[in-house]
Amino acid sequence: MDAILQLDQNILLFIQEYIRHDWMDWFWKGITHLGDFGIFWILLTIVLLIPKKTRKAGLASALALIIGTLITNVAIKNVVARIRPYEVIQELDLMIEKQKDFSFPSGHTCASFASAFAIYKCKEVFPKKWRTAAMVLATLIALSRLYVGVHYPTDVLGGLIVGLFSGWAGWKIEELIMKKRAEKKKSADNK
């Protein structure tokens, strides 16, 4: 376990020393703020719920965000209670405001991958390029958390795993809801 913790710290210090550049800071700060409170994904979900054509993806995303939030922010973060890296690594420069919650797993990463993966699984709603764009944005938000120094790599990995599971679960539950609805409609039509 000590080796993983040391690797976590070394990766963050490597990013700070060799990857951070003033000309990129605005980009990564902007990307990380897209994930604040899951607001981008929540707004996207609301927009998707409005037209009937995209409602399937909106419902899957909404369910995924709820599942991911419950697992990450309500359960795991409070049980693990991992302190943020900038509180532990003295050499690490924090690029944004201090976060108020615990570090593991990354809530930004979880919400991003929960929504993006739920949308990605809705193949009949969007062409592959749009579904892929959602996954790319989720990846950028996850990487931004390392760049700005608010998460360890294992926090982001944990958020990714919970997010993908939540996205899959949201999509699967949406599929079951739609199947039940179709069966009910078919049964009513046959009467």
Protein backbone atom coordinates (compact mmCIF):
# COMPACT_ATOMS: atom_id res chain seq x y z
CA MET A 1 0.00 0.00 0.00
CA ASP A 2 2.87 2.36 0.77
CA ALA A 3 4.20 1.82 -2.76
CA ILE A 4 0.85 2.88 -4.25
CA LEU A 5 0.70 5.97 -2.03
CA GLN A 6 4.25 6.89 -3.02
CA LEU A 7 3.43 6.36 -6.71
CA ASP A 8 0.34 8.57 -6.31
CA GLN A 9 2.47 11.36 -4.87
CA ASN A 10 5.23 10.93 -7.45
CA ILE A 11 2.77 11.17 -10.34
CA LEU A 12 1.29 14.41 -8.99
CA LEU A 13 4.73 15.93 -8.49
CA PHE A 14 5.74 14.80 -12.00
CA ILE A 15 2.66 16.51 -13.45
CA GLN A 16 3.46 19.68 -11.52
CA GLU A 17 7.12 19.68 -12.54
CA TYR A 18 6.99 18.54 -16.18
CA ILE A 19 3.44 18.87 -17.53
CA ARG A 20 2.04 22.05 -15.97
CA HIS A 21 2.66 25.19 -18.01
CA ASP A 22 1.23 28.67 -17.60
CA TRP A 23 -0.21 28.63 -21.11
CA MET A 24 -2.22 25.44 -20.31
CA ASP A 25 -3.45 26.42 -16.85
CA TRP A 26 -6.55 28.30 -18.06
CA PHE A 27 -7.61 25.28 -20.15
CA TRP A 28 -7.32 22.73 -17.35
CA LYS A 29 -8.92 25.04 -14.77
CA GLY A 30 -11.83 25.61 -17.15
CA ILE A 31 -12.20 21.89 -17.80
CA THR A 32 -12.13 21.07 -14.09
CA HIS A 33 -14.80 23.70 -13.35
CA LEU A 34 -17.09 22.09 -15.96
CA GLY A 35 -17.32 19.21 -13.52
CA ASP A 36 -18.07 21.32 -10.43
CA PHE A 37 -21.11 19.85 -8.65
CA GLY A 38 -21.69 17.78 -11.81
CA ILE A 39 -23.39 20.90 -13.21
CA PHE A 40 -22.44 20.33 -16.86
CA TRP A 41 -23.70 16.75 -16.75
CA ILE A 42 -26.85 17.71 -14.84
CA LEU A 43 -27.69 20.47 -17.34
CA LEU A 44 -26.97 18.12 -20.26
CA THR A 45 -29.23 15.51 -18.67
CA ILE A 46 -32.06 18.04 -18.26
CA VAL A 47 -31.70 19.11 -21.90
CA LEU A 48 -31.75 15.46 -23.00
CA LEU A 49 -34.92 14.77 -21.00
CA ILE A 50 -36.92 17.42 -22.88
CA PRO A 51 -37.16 16.10 -26.48
CA LYS A 52 -38.72 12.67 -26.83
CA LYS A 53 -35.94 11.65 -29.25
CA THR A 54 -33.21 11.99 -26.57
CA ARG A 55 -35.26 11.18 -23.46
CA LYS A 56 -33.83 7.65 -23.27
CA ALA A 57 -30.29 9.05 -22.90
CA GLY A 58 -31.51 11.71 -20.46
CA LEU A 59 -33.17 9.14 -18.21
CA ALA A 60 -30.15 6.83 -18.32
CA SER A 61 -27.87 9.76 -17.46
CA ALA A 62 -30.13 10.96 -14.62
CA LEU A 63 -30.21 7.48 -13.09
CA ALA A 64 -26.44 7.14 -13.51
CA LEU A 65 -25.79 10.48 -11.80
CA ILE A 66 -28.03 9.54 -8.87
CA ILE A 67 -26.37 6.13 -8.47
CA GLY A 68 -22.87 7.61 -8.77
CA THR A 69 -23.59 10.37 -6.25
CA LEU A 70 -25.00 7.93 -3.71
CA ILE A 71 -22.05 5.56 -4.04
CA THR A 72 -19.33 8.22 -4.17
CA ASN A 73 -20.42 11.21 -2.12
CA VAL A 74 -22.78 9.58 0.37
CA ALA A 75 -20.99 6.27 0.98
CA ILE A 76 -17.36 5.84 -0.07
CA LYS A 77 -15.97 9.35 0.54
CA ASN A 78 -17.22 9.39 4.13
CA VAL A 79 -16.09 5.84 4.88
CA VAL A 80 -12.59 6.15 3.37
CA ALA A 81 -12.14 9.81 4.46
CA ARG A 82 -8.95 10.28 2.43
CA ILE A 83 -7.34 13.68 2.89
CA ARG A 84 -6.67 15.75 -0.24
CA PRO A 85 -3.16 15.56 -1.72
CA TYR A 86 -2.39 19.26 -1.24
CA GLU A 87 -2.90 18.72 2.52
CA VAL A 88 -0.29 15.93 2.53
CA ILE A 89 2.29 16.78 -0.15
CA GLN A 90 3.99 20.00 0.92
CA GLU A 91 5.60 20.56 -2.50
CA LEU A 92 2.28 20.34 -4.35
CA ASP A 93 0.88 23.67 -5.51
CA LEU A 94 -2.91 23.87 -5.50
CA MET A 95 -4.23 25.61 -8.63
CA ILE A 96 -7.86 26.10 -7.58
CA GLU A 97 -9.73 26.68 -4.33
CA LYS A 98 -9.51 24.06 -1.60
CA GLN A 99 -12.17 21.38 -1.82
CA LYS A 100 -14.55 20.87 1.10
CA ASP A 101 -14.97 17.10 0.94
CA PHE A 102 -12.70 14.07 1.05
CA SER A 103 -10.55 12.93 -1.84
CA PHE A 104 -11.42 9.29 -2.61
CA PRO A 105 -13.01 8.67 -5.04
CA SER A 106 -13.13 11.68 -7.34
CA GLY A 107 -16.70 12.96 -7.53
CA HIS A 108 -15.96 14.98 -10.69
CA THR A 109 -14.64 11.85 -12.39
CA CYS A 110 -17.51 9.68 -11.18
CA ALA A 111 -20.23 12.10 -12.33
CA SER A 112 -18.50 12.66 -15.66
CA PHE A 113 -18.11 8.98 -16.48
CA ALA A 114 -21.52 8.05 -15.06
CA SER A 115 -23.32 10.45 -17.37
CA ALA A 116 -21.00 10.04 -20.36
CA PHE A 117 -21.06 6.22 -20.24
CA ALA A 118 -24.85 6.12 -19.84
CA ILE A 119 -25.10 8.36 -22.92
CA TYR A 120 -22.50 6.26 -24.73
CA LYS A 121 -24.55 3.10 -24.15
CA CYS A 122 -27.62 4.72 -25.79
CA LYS A 123 -26.45 3.82 -29.30
CA GLU A 124 -29.82 4.39 -30.95
CA VAL A 125 -30.04 7.99 -29.66
CA PHE A 126 -26.74 9.51 -30.81
CA PRO A 127 -24.17 8.78 -33.51
CA LYS A 128 -20.87 7.38 -32.29
CA LYS A 129 -19.02 10.70 -32.70
CA TRP A 130 -21.28 12.44 -30.14
CA ARG A 131 -21.14 9.53 -27.73
CA THR A 132 -17.35 9.47 -28.07
CA ALA A 133 -17.20 13.24 -27.49
CA ALA A 134 -18.98 12.73 -24.14
CA MET A 135 -16.39 10.12 -23.15
CA VAL A 136 -13.52 12.39 -24.22
CA LEU A 137 -14.90 15.25 -22.13
CA ALA A 138 -15.26 12.91 -19.13
CA THR A 139 -11.62 11.87 -19.60
CA LEU A 140 -10.47 15.50 -19.78
CA ILE A 141 -12.36 16.35 -16.59
CA ALA A 142 -10.77 13.35 -14.84
CA LEU A 143 -7.27 14.35 -15.97
CA SER A 144 -7.89 17.95 -14.95
CA ARG A 145 -8.31 16.85 -11.34
CA LEU A 146 -4.71 15.64 -11.38
CA TYR A 147 -3.44 18.73 -13.19
CA VAL A 148 -4.93 21.16 -10.66
CA GLY A 149 -3.71 19.05 -7.73
CA VAL A 150 -6.95 18.17 -5.95
CA HIS A 151 -6.86 14.38 -6.43
CA TYR A 152 -4.45 11.50 -6.35
CA PRO A 153 -4.38 9.26 -9.44
CA THR A 154 -6.03 6.46 -7.43
CA ASP A 155 -8.88 8.86 -6.53
CA VAL A 156 -9.47 9.45 -10.22
CA LEU A 157 -9.22 5.72 -10.96
CA GLY A 158 -11.76 5.01 -8.20
CA GLY A 159 -14.09 7.69 -9.62
CA LEU A 160 -13.68 6.19 -13.09
CA ILE A 161 -14.62 2.70 -11.90
CA VAL A 162 -17.64 3.88 -9.88
CA GLY A 163 -18.65 6.19 -12.74
CA LEU A 164 -18.52 3.46 -15.38
CA PHE A 165 -20.50 1.12 -13.13
CA SER A 166 -23.06 3.86 -12.42
CA GLY A 167 -23.34 4.69 -16.12
CA TRP A 168 -23.89 1.04 -16.98
CA ALA A 169 -26.42 0.64 -14.14
CA GLY A 170 -28.30 3.80 -15.17
CA TRP A 171 -28.47 2.59 -18.76
CA LYS A 172 -29.57 -0.92 -17.69
CA ILE A 173 -32.30 0.41 -15.38
CA GLU A 174 -33.53 2.72 -18.16
CA GLU A 175 -33.66 -0.29 -20.51
CA LEU A 176 -35.74 -2.23 -17.97
CA ILE A 177 -38.11 0.72 -17.45
CA MET A 178 -38.62 1.08 -21.21
CA LYS A 179 -39.14 -2.68 -21.62
CA LYS A 180 -41.78 -2.71 -18.86
CA ARG A 181 -43.46 0.34 -20.39
CA ALA A 182 -43.54 -1.32 -23.83
CA GLU A 183 -44.97 -4.54 -22.37
CA LYS A 184 -47.65 -2.57 -20.52
CA LYS A 185 -48.57 -0.67 -23.68
CA LYS A 186 -48.68 -3.89 -25.73
CA SER A 187 -50.87 -5.54 -23.10
CA ALA A 188 -53.24 -2.54 -23.09
CA ASP A 189 -53.37 -2.52 -26.92
CA ASN A 190 -54.33 -6.23 -26.98
CA LYS A 191 -57.36 -5.69 -24.75
